[in-house]
PDB file of N, CA and C in Angstrom:
ATOM      1  N   UNK A   1      -9.115 -14.072   0.134  1.00  0.00           N
ATOM      2  CA  UNK A   1      -8.138 -12.999   0.154  1.00  0.00           C
ATOM      3  C   UNK A   1      -8.798 -11.745  -0.421  1.00  0.00           C
ATOM      4  N   UNK A   2      -8.516 -10.624   0.172  1.00  0.00           N
ATOM      5  CA  UNK A   2      -9.076  -9.358  -0.283  1.00  0.00           C
ATOM      6  C   UNK A   2      -7.983  -8.492  -0.889  1.00  0.00           C
ATOM      7  N   UNK A   3      -8.396  -7.590  -1.754  1.00  0.00           N
ATOM      8  CA  UNK A   3      -7.493  -6.577  -2.311  1.00  0.00           C
ATOM      9  C   UNK A   3      -7.961  -5.222  -1.830  1.00  0.00           C
ATOM     10  N   UNK A   4      -7.008  -4.386  -1.476  1.00  0.00           N
ATOM     11  CA  UNK A   4      -7.287  -3.008  -1.093  1.00  0.00           C
ATOM     12  C   UNK A   4      -6.381  -2.121  -1.927  1.00  0.00           C
ATOM     13  N   UNK A   5      -6.920  -0.998  -2.359  1.00  0.00           N
ATOM     14  CA  UNK A   5      -6.200  -0.100  -3.252  1.00  0.00           C
ATOM     15  C   UNK A   5      -6.047   1.265  -2.587  1.00  0.00           C
ATOM     16  N   UNK A   6      -4.822   1.749  -2.515  1.00  0.00           N
ATOM     17  CA  UNK A   6      -4.523   3.020  -1.882  1.00  0.00           C
ATOM     18  C   UNK A   6      -3.883   3.955  -2.902  1.00  0.00           C
ATOM     19  N   UNK A   7      -4.348   5.190  -2.962  1.00  0.00           N
ATOM     20  CA  UNK A   7      -3.699   6.203  -3.787  1.00  0.00           C
ATOM     21  C   UNK A   7      -2.677   6.914  -2.899  1.00  0.00           C
ATOM     22  N   UNK A   8      -1.409   6.892  -3.347  1.00  0.00           N
ATOM     23  CA  UNK A   8      -0.317   7.421  -2.540  1.00  0.00           C
ATOM     24  C   UNK A   8       0.378   8.543  -3.306  1.00  0.00           C
ATOM     25  N   UNK A   9       0.629   9.647  -2.624  1.00  0.00           N
ATOM     26  CA  UNK A   9       1.299  10.770  -3.279  1.00  0.00           C
ATOM     27  C   UNK A   9       2.764  10.838  -2.861  1.00  0.00           C
ATOM     28  N   UNK A  10       3.577  11.376  -3.765  1.00  0.00           N
ATOM     29  CA  UNK A  10       4.983  11.623  -3.471  1.00  0.00           C
ATOM     30  C   UNK A  10       5.956  10.580  -3.990  1.00  0.00           C
ATOM     31  N   UNK A  11       5.467   9.481  -4.540  1.00  0.00           N
ATOM     32  CA  UNK A  11       6.376   8.456  -5.067  1.00  0.00           C
ATOM     33  C   UNK A  11       6.827   8.853  -6.474  1.00  0.00           C
ATOM     34  N   UNK A  12       8.143   8.733  -6.715  1.00  0.00           N
ATOM     35  CA  UNK A  12       8.671   9.156  -8.013  1.00  0.00           C
ATOM     36  C   UNK A  12       9.608   8.148  -8.680  1.00  0.00           C
ATOM     37  N   UNK A  13       9.993   7.076  -7.955  1.00  0.00           N
ATOM     38  CA  UNK A  13      11.002   6.176  -8.524  1.00  0.00           C
ATOM     39  C   UNK A  13      10.896   4.774  -7.935  1.00  0.00           C
ATOM     40  N   UNK A  14      11.755   3.909  -8.418  1.00  0.00           N
ATOM     41  CA  UNK A  14      11.800   2.541  -7.933  1.00  0.00           C
ATOM     42  C   UNK A  14      12.157   2.445  -6.454  1.00  0.00           C
ATOM     43  N   UNK A  15      13.003   3.347  -5.992  1.00  0.00           N
ATOM     44  CA  UNK A  15      13.353   3.361  -4.564  1.00  0.00           C
ATOM     45  C   UNK A  15      12.120   3.654  -3.723  1.00  0.00           C
ATOM     46  N   UNK A  16      11.279   4.562  -4.198  1.00  0.00           N
ATOM     47  CA  UNK A  16      10.022   4.876  -3.504  1.00  0.00           C
ATOM     48  C   UNK A  16       9.159   3.622  -3.405  1.00  0.00           C
ATOM     49  N   UNK A  17       9.023   2.920  -4.518  1.00  0.00           N
ATOM     50  CA  UNK A  17       8.214   1.701  -4.548  1.00  0.00           C
ATOM     51  C   UNK A  17       8.784   0.658  -3.592  1.00  0.00           C
ATOM     52  N   UNK A  18      10.092   0.512  -3.568  1.00  0.00           N
ATOM     53  CA  UNK A  18      10.727  -0.458  -2.684  1.00  0.00           C
ATOM     54  C   UNK A  18      10.505  -0.098  -1.213  1.00  0.00           C
ATOM     55  N   UNK A  19      10.571   1.177  -0.886  1.00  0.00           N
ATOM     56  CA  UNK A  19      10.363   1.621   0.498  1.00  0.00           C
ATOM     57  C   UNK A  19       8.938   1.330   0.960  1.00  0.00           C
ATOM     58  N   UNK A  20       7.973   1.647   0.109  1.00  0.00           N
ATOM     59  CA  UNK A  20       6.572   1.397   0.451  1.00  0.00           C
ATOM     60  C   UNK A  20       6.334  -0.113   0.574  1.00  0.00           C
ATOM     61  N   UNK A  21       6.843  -0.873  -0.377  1.00  0.00           N
ATOM     62  CA  UNK A  21       6.666  -2.329  -0.351  1.00  0.00           C
ATOM     63  C   UNK A  21       7.238  -2.926   0.923  1.00  0.00           C
ATOM     64  N   UNK A  22       8.430  -2.513   1.291  1.00  0.00           N
ATOM     65  CA  UNK A  22       9.094  -3.049   2.483  1.00  0.00           C
ATOM     66  C   UNK A  22       8.273  -2.795   3.741  1.00  0.00           C
ATOM     67  N   UNK A  23       7.730  -1.599   3.876  1.00  0.00           N
ATOM     68  CA  UNK A  23       6.929  -1.256   5.062  1.00  0.00           C
ATOM     69  C   UNK A  23       5.591  -1.995   5.074  1.00  0.00           C
ATOM     70  N   UNK A  24       4.914  -2.021   3.931  1.00  0.00           N
ATOM     71  CA  UNK A  24       3.562  -2.581   3.886  1.00  0.00           C
ATOM     72  C   UNK A  24       3.574  -4.099   3.989  1.00  0.00           C
ATOM     73  N   UNK A  25       4.537  -4.760   3.384  1.00  0.00           N
ATOM     74  CA  UNK A  25       4.579  -6.225   3.433  1.00  0.00           C
ATOM     75  C   UNK A  25       4.794  -6.718   4.866  1.00  0.00           C
ATOM     76  N   UNK A  26       5.298  -5.874   5.737  1.00  0.00           N
ATOM     77  CA  UNK A  26       5.515  -6.248   7.141  1.00  0.00           C
ATOM     78  C   UNK A  26       4.228  -6.171   7.971  1.00  0.00           C
ATOM     79  N   UNK A  27       3.157  -5.607   7.406  1.00  0.00           N
ATOM     80  CA  UNK A  27       1.893  -5.480   8.121  1.00  0.00           C
ATOM     81  C   UNK A  27       1.241  -6.863   8.250  1.00  0.00           C
ATOM     82  N   UNK A  28       0.743  -7.159   9.416  1.00  0.00           N
ATOM     83  CA  UNK A  28       0.082  -8.437   9.682  1.00  0.00           C
ATOM     84  C   UNK A  28      -1.063  -8.670   8.697  1.00  0.00           C
ATOM     85  N   UNK A  29      -1.062  -9.846   8.077  1.00  0.00           N
ATOM     86  CA  UNK A  29      -2.116 -10.220   7.150  1.00  0.00           C
ATOM     87  C   UNK A  29      -1.806  -9.933   5.694  1.00  0.00           C
ATOM     88  N   UNK A  30      -0.821  -9.075   5.435  1.00  0.00           N
ATOM     89  CA  UNK A  30      -0.467  -8.727   4.051  1.00  0.00           C
ATOM     90  C   UNK A  30       0.349  -9.862   3.449  1.00  0.00           C
ATOM     91  N   UNK A  31      -0.082 -10.322   2.268  1.00  0.00           N
ATOM     92  CA  UNK A  31       0.651 -11.383   1.582  1.00  0.00           C
ATOM     93  C   UNK A  31       1.338 -10.887   0.315  1.00  0.00           C
ATOM     94  N   UNK A  32       0.849  -9.771  -0.240  1.00  0.00           N
ATOM     95  CA  UNK A  32       1.425  -9.258  -1.485  1.00  0.00           C
ATOM     96  C   UNK A  32       1.173  -7.761  -1.593  1.00  0.00           C
ATOM     97  N   UNK A  33       2.159  -7.045  -2.130  1.00  0.00           N
ATOM     98  CA  UNK A  33       2.050  -5.603  -2.355  1.00  0.00           C
ATOM     99  C   UNK A  33       2.546  -5.297  -3.757  1.00  0.00           C
ATOM    100  N   UNK A  34       1.756  -4.546  -4.510  1.00  0.00           N
ATOM    101  CA  UNK A  34       2.170  -4.059  -5.824  1.00  0.00           C
ATOM    102  C   UNK A  34       2.116  -2.542  -5.789  1.00  0.00           C
ATOM    103  N   UNK A  35       3.188  -1.910  -6.252  1.00  0.00           N
ATOM    104  CA  UNK A  35       3.255  -0.448  -6.265  1.00  0.00           C
ATOM    105  C   UNK A  35       3.451   0.020  -7.696  1.00  0.00           C
ATOM    106  N   UNK A  36       2.560   0.891  -8.158  1.00  0.00           N
ATOM    107  CA  UNK A  36       2.691   1.526  -9.468  1.00  0.00           C
ATOM    108  C   UNK A  36       3.015   2.997  -9.218  1.00  0.00           C
ATOM    109  N   UNK A  37       4.297   3.325  -9.372  1.00  0.00           N
ATOM    110  CA  UNK A  37       4.765   4.679  -9.075  1.00  0.00           C
ATOM    111  C   UNK A  37       4.077   5.706  -9.962  1.00  0.00           C
ATOM    112  N   UNK A  38       3.942   5.386 -11.233  1.00  0.00           N
ATOM    113  CA  UNK A  38       3.376   6.352 -12.188  1.00  0.00           C
ATOM    114  C   UNK A  38       1.956   6.775 -11.818  1.00  0.00           C
ATOM    115  N   UNK A  39       1.125   5.811 -11.440  1.00  0.00           N
ATOM    116  CA  UNK A  39      -0.259   6.142 -11.084  1.00  0.00           C
ATOM    117  C   UNK A  39      -0.417   6.462  -9.603  1.00  0.00           C
ATOM    118  N   UNK A  40       0.571   6.092  -8.801  1.00  0.00           N
ATOM    119  CA  UNK A  40       0.478   6.303  -7.359  1.00  0.00           C
ATOM    120  C   UNK A  40      -0.405   5.274  -6.674  1.00  0.00           C
ATOM    121  N   UNK A  41      -0.693   4.175  -7.360  1.00  0.00           N
ATOM    122  CA  UNK A  41      -1.588   3.163  -6.815  1.00  0.00           C
ATOM    123  C   UNK A  41      -0.792   2.051  -6.123  1.00  0.00           C
ATOM    124  N   UNK A  42      -1.176   1.783  -4.876  1.00  0.00           N
ATOM    125  CA  UNK A  42      -0.594   0.690  -4.111  1.00  0.00           C
ATOM    126  C   UNK A  42      -1.696  -0.341  -3.891  1.00  0.00           C
ATOM    127  N   UNK A  43      -1.466  -1.554  -4.372  1.00  0.00           N
ATOM    128  CA  UNK A  43      -2.423  -2.643  -4.226  1.00  0.00           C
ATOM    129  C   UNK A  43      -1.917  -3.578  -3.137  1.00  0.00           C
ATOM    130  N   UNK A  44      -2.774  -3.842  -2.161  1.00  0.00           N
ATOM    131  CA  UNK A  44      -2.417  -4.689  -1.030  1.00  0.00           C
ATOM    132  C   UNK A  44      -3.343  -5.896  -1.034  1.00  0.00           C
ATOM    133  N   UNK A  45      -2.764  -7.082  -0.979  1.00  0.00           N
ATOM    134  CA  UNK A  45      -3.547  -8.314  -0.929  1.00  0.00           C
ATOM    135  C   UNK A  45      -3.261  -9.038   0.382  1.00  0.00           C
ATOM    136  N   UNK A  46      -4.313  -9.618   0.944  1.00  0.00           N
ATOM    137  CA  UNK A  46      -4.152 -10.373   2.175  1.00  0.00           C
ATOM    138  C   UNK A  46      -5.475 -10.579   2.872  1.00  0.00           C
ATOM    139  N   UNK A  47      -5.393 -11.130   4.054  1.00  0.00           N
ATOM    140  CA  UNK A  47      -6.581 -11.415   4.847  1.00  0.00           C
ATOM    141  C   UNK A  47      -6.560 -10.592   6.132  1.00  0.00           C
ATOM    142  N   UNK A  48      -7.700 -10.019   6.459  1.00  0.00           N
ATOM    143  CA  UNK A  48      -7.857  -9.243   7.700  1.00  0.00           C
ATOM    144  C   UNK A  48      -6.814  -8.132   7.815  1.00  0.00           C
ATOM    145  N   UNK A  49      -6.592  -7.428   6.726  1.00  0.00           N
ATOM    146  CA  UNK A  49      -5.619  -6.327   6.708  1.00  0.00           C
ATOM    147  C   UNK A  49      -6.314  -5.057   7.170  1.00  0.00           C
ATOM    148  N   UNK A  50      -5.733  -4.396   8.152  1.00  0.00           N
ATOM    149  CA  UNK A  50      -6.292  -3.179   8.728  1.00  0.00           C
ATOM    150  C   UNK A  50      -5.830  -1.955   7.926  1.00  0.00           C
ATOM    151  N   UNK A  51      -6.802  -1.217   7.369  1.00  0.00           N
ATOM    152  CA  UNK A  51      -6.490  -0.036   6.563  1.00  0.00           C
ATOM    153  C   UNK A  51      -5.648   0.986   7.325  1.00  0.00           C
ATOM    154  N   UNK A  52      -5.948   1.162   8.593  1.00  0.00           N
ATOM    155  CA  UNK A  52      -5.225   2.147   9.401  1.00  0.00           C
ATOM    156  C   UNK A  52      -3.764   1.751   9.548  1.00  0.00           C
ATOM    157  N   UNK A  53      -3.498   0.474   9.719  1.00  0.00           N
ATOM    158  CA  UNK A  53      -2.121  -0.011   9.867  1.00  0.00           C
ATOM    159  C   UNK A  53      -1.367   0.127   8.547  1.00  0.00           C
ATOM    160  N   UNK A  54      -2.038  -0.162   7.425  1.00  0.00           N
ATOM    161  CA  UNK A  54      -1.404   0.012   6.115  1.00  0.00           C
ATOM    162  C   UNK A  54      -1.093   1.480   5.880  1.00  0.00           C
ATOM    163  N   UNK A  55      -2.047   2.355   6.182  1.00  0.00           N
ATOM    164  CA  UNK A  55      -1.822   3.801   6.036  1.00  0.00           C
ATOM    165  C   UNK A  55      -0.608   4.237   6.863  1.00  0.00           C
ATOM    166  N   UNK A  56      -0.512   3.748   8.087  1.00  0.00           N
ATOM    167  CA  UNK A  56       0.626   4.092   8.952  1.00  0.00           C
ATOM    168  C   UNK A  56       1.944   3.578   8.367  1.00  0.00           C
ATOM    169  N   UNK A  57       1.929   2.387   7.781  1.00  0.00           N
ATOM    170  CA  UNK A  57       3.141   1.830   7.171  1.00  0.00           C
ATOM    171  C   UNK A  57       3.586   2.680   5.989  1.00  0.00           C
ATOM    172  N   UNK A  58       2.640   3.132   5.181  1.00  0.00           N
ATOM    173  CA  UNK A  58       2.977   3.994   4.041  1.00  0.00           C
ATOM    174  C   UNK A  58       3.535   5.321   4.534  1.00  0.00           C
ATOM    175  N   UNK A  59       2.939   5.854   5.589  1.00  0.00           N
ATOM    176  CA  UNK A  59       3.438   7.099   6.190  1.00  0.00           C
ATOM    177  C   UNK A  59       4.851   6.898   6.743  1.00  0.00           C
ATOM    178  N   UNK A  60       5.083   5.758   7.384  1.00  0.00           N
ATOM    179  CA  UNK A  60       6.421   5.447   7.913  1.00  0.00           C
ATOM    180  C   UNK A  60       7.461   5.375   6.799  1.00  0.00           C
ATOM    181  N   UNK A  61       7.027   4.986   5.596  1.00  0.00           N
ATOM    182  CA  UNK A  61       7.937   4.933   4.449  1.00  0.00           C
ATOM    183  C   UNK A  61       8.220   6.338   3.897  1.00  0.00           C
ATOM    184  N   UNK A  62       7.449   7.334   4.366  1.00  0.00           N
ATOM    185  CA  UNK A  62       7.698   8.718   3.956  1.00  0.00           C
ATOM    186  C   UNK A  62       6.717   9.262   2.937  1.00  0.00           C
ATOM    187  N   UNK A  63       5.573   8.600   2.772  1.00  0.00           N
ATOM    188  CA  UNK A  63       4.602   9.008   1.750  1.00  0.00           C
ATOM    189  C   UNK A  63       3.232   9.201   2.386  1.00  0.00           C
ATOM    190  N   UNK A  64       2.335   9.794   1.642  1.00  0.00           N
ATOM    191  CA  UNK A  64       1.008  10.113   2.152  1.00  0.00           C
ATOM    192  C   UNK A  64      -0.067   9.364   1.371  1.00  0.00           C
ATOM    193  N   UNK A  65      -1.006   8.785   2.096  1.00  0.00           N
ATOM    194  CA  UNK A  65      -2.147   8.130   1.458  1.00  0.00           C
ATOM    195  C   UNK A  65      -3.191   9.215   1.181  1.00  0.00           C
ATOM    196  N   UNK A  66      -3.474   9.412  -0.110  1.00  0.00           N
ATOM    197  CA  UNK A  66      -4.478  10.395  -0.494  1.00  0.00           C
ATOM    198  C   UNK A  66      -5.874   9.843  -0.255  1.00  0.00           C
ATOM    199  N   UNK A  67      -6.073   8.549  -0.576  1.00  0.00           N
ATOM    200  CA  UNK A  67      -7.369   7.915  -0.347  1.00  0.00           C
ATOM    201  C   UNK A  67      -7.262   6.411  -0.516  1.00  0.00           C
ATOM    202  N   UNK A  68      -8.249   5.732   0.055  1.00  0.00           N
ATOM    203  CA  UNK A  68      -8.417   4.309  -0.214  1.00  0.00           C
ATOM    204  C   UNK A  68      -9.404   4.247  -1.368  1.00  0.00           C
ATOM    205  N   UNK A  69      -8.957   3.745  -2.494  1.00  0.00           N
ATOM    206  CA  UNK A  69      -9.743   3.819  -3.736  1.00  0.00           C
ATOM    207  C   UNK A  69     -10.967   2.932  -3.676  1.00  0.00           C
ATOM    208  N   UNK A  70     -10.777   1.655  -3.386  1.00  0.00           N
ATOM    209  CA  UNK A  70     -11.899   0.732  -3.337  1.00  0.00           C
ATOM    210  C   UNK A  70     -11.473  -0.558  -2.655  1.00  0.00           C
ATOM    211  N   UNK A  71     -12.427  -1.318  -2.242  1.00  0.00           N
ATOM    212  CA  UNK A  71     -12.165  -2.615  -1.634  1.00  0.00           C
ATOM    213  C   UNK A  71     -12.854  -3.661  -2.496  1.00  0.00           C
ATOM    214  N   UNK A  72     -12.216  -4.797  -2.672  1.00  0.00           N
ATOM    215  CA  UNK A  72     -12.814  -5.845  -3.489  1.00  0.00           C
ATOM    216  C   UNK A  72     -12.433  -7.201  -2.946  1.00  0.00           C
ATOM    217  N   UNK A  73     -13.327  -8.143  -3.013  1.00  0.00           N
ATOM    218  CA  UNK A  73     -13.015  -9.520  -2.624  1.00  0.00           C
ATOM    219  C   UNK A  73     -12.399 -10.221  -3.828  1.00  0.00           C
ATOM    220  N   UNK A  74     -11.330 -10.952  -3.587  1.00  0.00           N
ATOM    221  CA  UNK A  74     -10.653 -11.657  -4.691  1.00  0.00           C
ATOM    222  C   UNK A  74     -11.177 -13.049  -4.822  1.00  0.00           C
TER     223      UNK A  74
END
């Protein structure tokens, strides 16, 4: 399983985190999503997760991906 970290701008509350989580967890291969509103960091865990699809899911939730921070094997 791999972890991918996305810096997301515009999130300010628990509702924001829930919206992002709902969209991203629906992406094929995603098994877990953690959202830290304060830091703007979204951690995505799963296998064969496509960065472009995750970025699109975050955009669909109404937020912008500033960058993909790093990739790491778990």
